[in-house]
Every structure is written in structure tokens, then in C-alpha cells.
Amino acid sequence: TKIDALMTFLETSRSRDPTVKSVVFSQWTSMLNLIEKPLRRRGFEFTRLDGTMHRTAREANINRFQSDPSV
């Protein structure tokens, strides 16, 4: 139900303003893994940032989030 509520919130936000961006936090990377599938199914472009990533990958994803309007 948490994922359903998140998807409803994100879809509502996108319908109100397609340029809005959101940051989703989780203490567990496994939760981020679960969230990826419904995001893709609903057509959301996203980038991920977690502690397992190399510094250059983290920086690239941060830059993508900030500069790519489709994310």
C-alpha cells in the first residue's frame, strides 16, 4: 500500500505540473528496488542514488536529475 500511495502522489503531482520533480527517500535499497518497477510501468523517468554507487556514478545521476527535464 505504501507503493500505491507513492504512485498516486507522483501521478497527481505530474498531472498538476509536468515539470515538477520529486525525491523519494528510503532507508533500505531493497525498497528502492521495489519502487523501480511501478515507476517504469507508469512512464516515469528517474535516476537513482544510493550508497553502493561509485562517486562518479552518483555525481552523474545528481547532474541528470538537476539538468534533464524528463527526469
PDB file of N, CA and C in Angstrom:
ATOM      1  N   THR A   1       0.818  -1.203   0.000  1.00  0.00           N
ATOM      2  CA  THR A   1       0.000   0.000   0.000  1.00  0.00           C
ATOM      3  C   THR A   1       0.861   1.266   0.000  1.00  0.00           C
ATOM      4  N   LYS A   2       2.064   1.183   0.557  1.00  0.00           N
ATOM      5  CA  LYS A   2       2.946   2.355   0.528  1.00  0.00           C
ATOM      6  C   LYS A   2       3.323   2.712  -0.902  1.00  0.00           C
ATOM      7  N   ILE A   3       3.609   1.707  -1.692  1.00  0.00           N
ATOM      8  CA  ILE A   3       3.998   1.960  -3.080  1.00  0.00           C
ATOM      9  C   ILE A   3       2.814   2.512  -3.863  1.00  0.00           C
ATOM     10  N   ASP A   4       1.613   1.976  -3.628  1.00  0.00           N
ATOM     11  CA  ASP A   4       0.417   2.503  -4.293  1.00  0.00           C
ATOM     12  C   ASP A   4       0.192   3.970  -3.930  1.00  0.00           C
ATOM     13  N   ALA A   5       0.353   4.299  -2.673  1.00  0.00           N
ATOM     14  CA  ALA A   5       0.177   5.687  -2.229  1.00  0.00           C
ATOM     15  C   ALA A   5       1.235   6.586  -2.868  1.00  0.00           C
ATOM     16  N   LEU A   6       2.458   6.111  -2.951  1.00  0.00           N
ATOM     17  CA  LEU A   6       3.528   6.877  -3.588  1.00  0.00           C
ATOM     18  C   LEU A   6       3.207   7.120  -5.058  1.00  0.00           C
ATOM     19  N   MET A   7       2.774   6.084  -5.763  1.00  0.00           N
ATOM     20  CA  MET A   7       2.453   6.229  -7.183  1.00  0.00           C
ATOM     21  C   MET A   7       1.294   7.206  -7.392  1.00  0.00           C
ATOM     22  N   THR A   8       0.286   7.142  -6.536  1.00  0.00           N
ATOM     23  CA  THR A   8      -0.835   8.083  -6.622  1.00  0.00           C
ATOM     24  C   THR A   8      -0.344   9.510  -6.435  1.00  0.00           C
ATOM     25  N   PHE A   9       0.503   9.726  -5.439  1.00  0.00           N
ATOM     26  CA  PHE A   9       1.047  11.060  -5.188  1.00  0.00           C
ATOM     27  C   PHE A   9       1.845  11.557  -6.393  1.00  0.00           C
ATOM     28  N   LEU A  10       2.726  10.705  -6.926  1.00  0.00           N
ATOM     29  CA  LEU A  10       3.573  11.113  -8.048  1.00  0.00           C
ATOM     30  C   LEU A  10       2.745  11.387  -9.298  1.00  0.00           C
ATOM     31  N   GLU A  11       1.746  10.558  -9.557  1.00  0.00           N
ATOM     32  CA  GLU A  11       0.893  10.777 -10.723  1.00  0.00           C
ATOM     33  C   GLU A  11       0.069  12.051 -10.584  1.00  0.00           C
ATOM     34  N   THR A  12      -0.426  12.315  -9.387  1.00  0.00           N
ATOM     35  CA  THR A  12      -1.175  13.552  -9.145  1.00  0.00           C
ATOM     36  C   THR A  12      -0.275  14.759  -9.335  1.00  0.00           C
ATOM     37  N   SER A  13       0.930  14.686  -8.793  1.00  0.00           N
ATOM     38  CA  SER A  13       1.889  15.793  -8.946  1.00  0.00           C
ATOM     39  C   SER A  13       2.205  16.039 -10.412  1.00  0.00           C
ATOM     40  N   ARG A  14       2.424  14.959 -11.153  1.00  0.00           N
ATOM     41  CA  ARG A  14       2.757  15.079 -12.573  1.00  0.00           C
ATOM     42  C   ARG A  14       1.584  15.655 -13.370  1.00  0.00           C
ATOM     43  N   SER A  15       0.362  15.266 -13.016  1.00  0.00           N
ATOM     44  CA  SER A  15      -0.790  15.779 -13.759  1.00  0.00           C
ATOM     45  C   SER A  15      -1.020  17.261 -13.477  1.00  0.00           C
ATOM     46  N   ARG A  16      -0.705  17.701 -12.285  1.00  0.00           N
ATOM     47  CA  ARG A  16      -0.869  19.124 -11.945  1.00  0.00           C
ATOM     48  C   ARG A  16       0.211  19.986 -12.580  1.00  0.00           C
ATOM     49  N   ASP A  17       1.435  19.468 -12.602  1.00  0.00           N
ATOM     50  CA  ASP A  17       2.563  20.216 -13.153  1.00  0.00           C
ATOM     51  C   ASP A  17       3.584  19.220 -13.697  1.00  0.00           C
ATOM     52  N   PRO A  18       3.621  19.024 -15.010  1.00  0.00           N
ATOM     53  CA  PRO A  18       4.527  18.036 -15.591  1.00  0.00           C
ATOM     54  C   PRO A  18       6.010  18.331 -15.374  1.00  0.00           C
ATOM     55  N   THR A  19       6.336  19.551 -14.952  1.00  0.00           N
ATOM     56  CA  THR A  19       7.737  19.893 -14.733  1.00  0.00           C
ATOM     57  C   THR A  19       8.206  19.639 -13.307  1.00  0.00           C
ATOM     58  N   VAL A  20       7.280  19.258 -12.425  1.00  0.00           N
ATOM     59  CA  VAL A  20       7.640  19.049 -11.026  1.00  0.00           C
ATOM     60  C   VAL A  20       8.519  17.809 -10.891  1.00  0.00           C
ATOM     61  N   LYS A  21       9.464  17.870  -9.973  1.00  0.00           N
ATOM     62  CA  LYS A  21      10.332  16.733  -9.693  1.00  0.00           C
ATOM     63  C   LYS A  21      10.168  16.358  -8.230  1.00  0.00           C
ATOM     64  N   SER A  22      10.379  15.077  -7.948  1.00  0.00           N
ATOM     65  CA  SER A  22      10.245  14.579  -6.580  1.00  0.00           C
ATOM     66  C   SER A  22      11.463  13.759  -6.223  1.00  0.00           C
ATOM     67  N   VAL A  23      11.775  13.749  -4.942  1.00  0.00           N
ATOM     68  CA  VAL A  23      12.849  12.912  -4.412  1.00  0.00           C
ATOM     69  C   VAL A  23      12.208  11.920  -3.460  1.00  0.00           C
ATOM     70  N   VAL A  24      12.504  10.638  -3.673  1.00  0.00           N
ATOM     71  CA  VAL A  24      11.960   9.574  -2.837  1.00  0.00           C
ATOM     72  C   VAL A  24      13.110   9.007  -2.014  1.00  0.00           C
ATOM     73  N   PHE A  25      12.956   9.043  -0.705  1.00  0.00           N
ATOM     74  CA  PHE A  25      13.973   8.535   0.204  1.00  0.00           C
ATOM     75  C   PHE A  25      13.535   7.201   0.791  1.00  0.00           C
ATOM     76  N   SER A  26      14.490   6.323   0.995  1.00  0.00           N
ATOM     77  CA  SER A  26      14.232   5.085   1.718  1.00  0.00           C
ATOM     78  C   SER A  26      15.487   4.696   2.470  1.00  0.00           C
ATOM     79  N   GLN A  27      15.294   4.129   3.619  1.00  0.00           N
ATOM     80  CA  GLN A  27      16.411   3.647   4.418  1.00  0.00           C
ATOM     81  C   GLN A  27      16.955   2.336   3.843  1.00  0.00           C
ATOM     82  N   TRP A  28      16.142   1.661   3.031  1.00  0.00           N
ATOM     83  CA  TRP A  28      16.505   0.345   2.503  1.00  0.00           C
ATOM     84  C   TRP A  28      16.588   0.380   0.993  1.00  0.00           C
ATOM     85  N   THR A  29      17.705  -0.083   0.441  1.00  0.00           N
ATOM     86  CA  THR A  29      17.854  -0.141  -1.008  1.00  0.00           C
ATOM     87  C   THR A  29      16.877  -1.151  -1.610  1.00  0.00           C
ATOM     88  N   SER A  30      16.489  -2.159  -0.854  1.00  0.00           N
ATOM     89  CA  SER A  30      15.525  -3.134  -1.367  1.00  0.00           C
ATOM     90  C   SER A  30      14.178  -2.464  -1.658  1.00  0.00           C
ATOM     91  N   MET A  31      13.806  -1.463  -0.886  1.00  0.00           N
ATOM     92  CA  MET A  31      12.570  -0.727  -1.151  1.00  0.00           C
ATOM     93  C   MET A  31      12.709   0.071  -2.445  1.00  0.00           C
ATOM     94  N   LEU A  32      13.865   0.661  -2.660  1.00  0.00           N
ATOM     95  CA  LEU A  32      14.093   1.375  -3.916  1.00  0.00           C
ATOM     96  C   LEU A  32      13.987   0.421  -5.103  1.00  0.00           C
ATOM     97  N   ASN A  33      14.488  -0.796  -4.941  1.00  0.00           N
ATOM     98  CA  ASN A  33      14.368  -1.804  -5.997  1.00  0.00           C
ATOM     99  C   ASN A  33      12.898  -2.082  -6.313  1.00  0.00           C
ATOM    100  N   LEU A  34      12.070  -2.188  -5.285  1.00  0.00           N
ATOM    101  CA  LEU A  34      10.644  -2.458  -5.476  1.00  0.00           C
ATOM    102  C   LEU A  34       9.927  -1.300  -6.164  1.00  0.00           C
ATOM    103  N   ILE A  35      10.343  -0.094  -5.877  1.00  0.00           N
ATOM    104  CA  ILE A  35       9.691   1.096  -6.430  1.00  0.00           C
ATOM    105  C   ILE A  35       9.999   1.267  -7.920  1.00  0.00           C
ATOM    106  N   GLU A  36      11.135   0.774  -8.361  1.00  0.00           N
ATOM    107  CA  GLU A  36      11.539   0.980  -9.756  1.00  0.00           C
ATOM    108  C   GLU A  36      10.531   0.418 -10.758  1.00  0.00           C
ATOM    109  N   LYS A  37       9.992  -0.761 -10.509  1.00  0.00           N
ATOM    110  CA  LYS A  37       9.076  -1.390 -11.465  1.00  0.00           C
ATOM    111  C   LYS A  37       7.811  -0.568 -11.692  1.00  0.00           C
ATOM    112  N   PRO A  38       7.097  -0.162 -10.642  1.00  0.00           N
ATOM    113  CA  PRO A  38       5.894   0.652 -10.894  1.00  0.00           C
ATOM    114  C   PRO A  38       6.218   2.017 -11.510  1.00  0.00           C
ATOM    115  N   LEU A  39       7.371   2.572 -11.194  1.00  0.00           N
ATOM    116  CA  LEU A  39       7.757   3.839 -11.827  1.00  0.00           C
ATOM    117  C   LEU A  39       7.888   3.656 -13.334  1.00  0.00           C
ATOM    118  N   ARG A  40       8.561   2.595 -13.736  1.00  0.00           N
ATOM    119  CA  ARG A  40       8.736   2.323 -15.174  1.00  0.00           C
ATOM    120  C   ARG A  40       7.391   2.043 -15.850  1.00  0.00           C
ATOM    121  N   ARG A  41       6.560   1.224 -15.197  1.00  0.00           N
ATOM    122  CA  ARG A  41       5.250   0.893 -15.779  1.00  0.00           C
ATOM    123  C   ARG A  41       4.408   2.135 -16.026  1.00  0.00           C
ATOM    124  N   ARG A  42       4.542   3.120 -15.161  1.00  0.00           N
ATOM    125  CA  ARG A  42       3.730   4.336 -15.280  1.00  0.00           C
ATOM    126  C   ARG A  42       4.433   5.446 -16.071  1.00  0.00           C
ATOM    127  N   GLY A  43       5.563   5.113 -16.666  1.00  0.00           N
ATOM    128  CA  GLY A  43       6.227   6.050 -17.566  1.00  0.00           C
ATOM    129  C   GLY A  43       7.063   7.124 -16.910  1.00  0.00           C
ATOM    130  N   PHE A  44       7.470   6.916 -15.675  1.00  0.00           N
ATOM    131  CA  PHE A  44       8.322   7.893 -15.003  1.00  0.00           C
ATOM    132  C   PHE A  44       9.778   7.656 -15.375  1.00  0.00           C
ATOM    133  N   GLU A  45      10.456   8.728 -15.738  1.00  0.00           N
ATOM    134  CA  GLU A  45      11.911   8.693 -15.892  1.00  0.00           C
ATOM    135  C   GLU A  45      12.492   9.030 -14.526  1.00  0.00           C
ATOM    136  N   PHE A  46      13.487   8.296 -14.113  1.00  0.00           N
ATOM    137  CA  PHE A  46      14.063   8.553 -12.793  1.00  0.00           C
ATOM    138  C   PHE A  46      15.540   8.243 -12.806  1.00  0.00           C
ATOM    139  N   THR A  47      16.191   8.707 -11.788  1.00  0.00           N
ATOM    140  CA  THR A  47      17.584   8.384 -11.552  1.00  0.00           C
ATOM    141  C   THR A  47      17.711   7.952 -10.102  1.00  0.00           C
ATOM    142  N   ARG A  48      18.688   7.141  -9.842  1.00  0.00           N
ATOM    143  CA  ARG A  48      18.820   6.564  -8.503  1.00  0.00           C
ATOM    144  C   ARG A  48      20.147   6.974  -7.889  1.00  0.00           C
ATOM    145  N   LEU A  49      20.125   7.143  -6.603  1.00  0.00           N
ATOM    146  CA  LEU A  49      21.312   7.489  -5.845  1.00  0.00           C
ATOM    147  C   LEU A  49      21.302   6.657  -4.576  1.00  0.00           C
ATOM    148  N   ASP A  50      22.313   5.828  -4.410  1.00  0.00           N
ATOM    149  CA  ASP A  50      22.411   5.076  -3.161  1.00  0.00           C
ATOM    150  C   ASP A  50      23.874   4.851  -2.799  1.00  0.00           C
ATOM    151  N   GLY A  51      24.098   4.405  -1.608  1.00  0.00           N
ATOM    152  CA  GLY A  51      25.448   4.273  -1.066  1.00  0.00           C
ATOM    153  C   GLY A  51      26.311   3.222  -1.726  1.00  0.00           C
ATOM    154  N   THR A  52      25.720   2.350  -2.535  1.00  0.00           N
ATOM    155  CA  THR A  52      26.501   1.311  -3.199  1.00  0.00           C
ATOM    156  C   THR A  52      27.150   1.819  -4.486  1.00  0.00           C
ATOM    157  N   MET A  53      26.783   3.013  -4.921  1.00  0.00           N
ATOM    158  CA  MET A  53      27.265   3.553  -6.189  1.00  0.00           C
ATOM    159  C   MET A  53      28.619   4.215  -6.015  1.00  0.00           C
ATOM    160  N   HIS A  54      29.431   4.120  -7.064  1.00  0.00           N
ATOM    161  CA  HIS A  54      30.711   4.818  -7.097  1.00  0.00           C
ATOM    162  C   HIS A  54      30.445   6.322  -7.169  1.00  0.00           C
ATOM    163  N   ARG A  55      31.356   7.096  -6.663  1.00  0.00           N
ATOM    164  CA  ARG A  55      31.195   8.547  -6.588  1.00  0.00           C
ATOM    165  C   ARG A  55      30.874   9.164  -7.948  1.00  0.00           C
ATOM    166  N   THR A  56      31.541   8.736  -9.003  1.00  0.00           N
ATOM    167  CA  THR A  56      31.292   9.334 -10.315  1.00  0.00           C
ATOM    168  C   THR A  56      29.881   9.019 -10.812  1.00  0.00           C
ATOM    169  N   ALA A  57      29.387   7.821 -10.520  1.00  0.00           N
ATOM    170  CA  ALA A  57      28.012   7.467 -10.898  1.00  0.00           C
ATOM    171  C   ALA A  57      27.010   8.295 -10.108  1.00  0.00           C
ATOM    172  N   ARG A  58      27.279   8.496  -8.822  1.00  0.00           N
ATOM    173  CA  ARG A  58      26.389   9.328  -8.005  1.00  0.00           C
ATOM    174  C   ARG A  58      26.333  10.748  -8.562  1.00  0.00           C
ATOM    175  N   GLU A  59      27.505  11.303  -8.871  1.00  0.00           N
ATOM    176  CA  GLU A  59      27.557  12.670  -9.405  1.00  0.00           C
ATOM    177  C   GLU A  59      26.826  12.767 -10.744  1.00  0.00           C
ATOM    178  N   ALA A  60      26.997  11.769 -11.598  1.00  0.00           N
ATOM    179  CA  ALA A  60      26.313  11.771 -12.895  1.00  0.00           C
ATOM    180  C   ALA A  60      24.799  11.728 -12.704  1.00  0.00           C
ATOM    181  N   ASN A  61      24.322  10.930 -11.761  1.00  0.00           N
ATOM    182  CA  ASN A  61      22.883  10.839 -11.519  1.00  0.00           C
ATOM    183  C   ASN A  61      22.328  12.115 -10.905  1.00  0.00           C
ATOM    184  N   ILE A  62      23.084  12.735 -10.038  1.00  0.00           N
ATOM    185  CA  ILE A  62      22.651  14.024  -9.471  1.00  0.00           C
ATOM    186  C   ILE A  62      22.550  15.060 -10.590  1.00  0.00           C
ATOM    187  N   ASN A  63      23.557  15.111 -11.447  1.00  0.00           N
ATOM    188  CA  ASN A  63      23.540  16.070 -12.563  1.00  0.00           C
ATOM    189  C   ASN A  63      22.373  15.796 -13.501  1.00  0.00           C
ATOM    190  N   ARG A  64      22.100  14.532 -13.763  1.00  0.00           N
ATOM    191  CA  ARG A  64      20.970  14.176 -14.625  1.00  0.00           C
ATOM    192  C   ARG A  64      19.662  14.637 -14.015  1.00  0.00           C
ATOM    193  N   PHE A  65      19.492  14.398 -12.718  1.00  0.00           N
ATOM    194  CA  PHE A  65      18.264  14.828 -12.034  1.00  0.00           C
ATOM    195  C   PHE A  65      18.094  16.344 -12.136  1.00  0.00           C
ATOM    196  N   GLN A  66      19.179  17.055 -11.951  1.00  0.00           N
ATOM    197  CA  GLN A  66      19.097  18.513 -11.947  1.00  0.00           C
ATOM    198  C   GLN A  66      18.915  19.112 -13.346  1.00  0.00           C
ATOM    199  N   SER A  67      19.499  18.489 -14.348  1.00  0.00           N
ATOM    200  CA  SER A  67      19.525  19.147 -15.661  1.00  0.00           C
ATOM    201  C   SER A  67      18.598  18.530 -16.709  1.00  0.00           C
ATOM    202  N   ASP A  68      18.193  17.294 -16.549  1.00  0.00           N
ATOM    203  CA  ASP A  68      17.355  16.627 -17.553  1.00  0.00           C
ATOM    204  C   ASP A  68      15.881  16.822 -17.199  1.00  0.00           C
ATOM    205  N   PRO A  69      15.142  17.588 -18.009  1.00  0.00           N
ATOM    206  CA  PRO A  69      13.740  17.851 -17.673  1.00  0.00           C
ATOM    207  C   PRO A  69      12.848  16.617 -17.728  1.00  0.00           C
ATOM    208  N   SER A  70      13.300  15.544 -18.392  1.00  0.00           N
ATOM    209  CA  SER A  70      12.465  14.334 -18.456  1.00  0.00           C
ATOM    210  C   SER A  70      12.565  13.493 -17.200  1.00  0.00           C
ATOM    211  N   VAL A  71      13.548  13.784 -16.350  1.00  0.00           N
ATOM    212  CA  VAL A  71      13.717  13.014 -15.110  1.00  0.00           C
ATOM    213  C   VAL A  71      12.849  13.609 -14.028  1.00  0.00           C
TER     214      VAL A  71
END
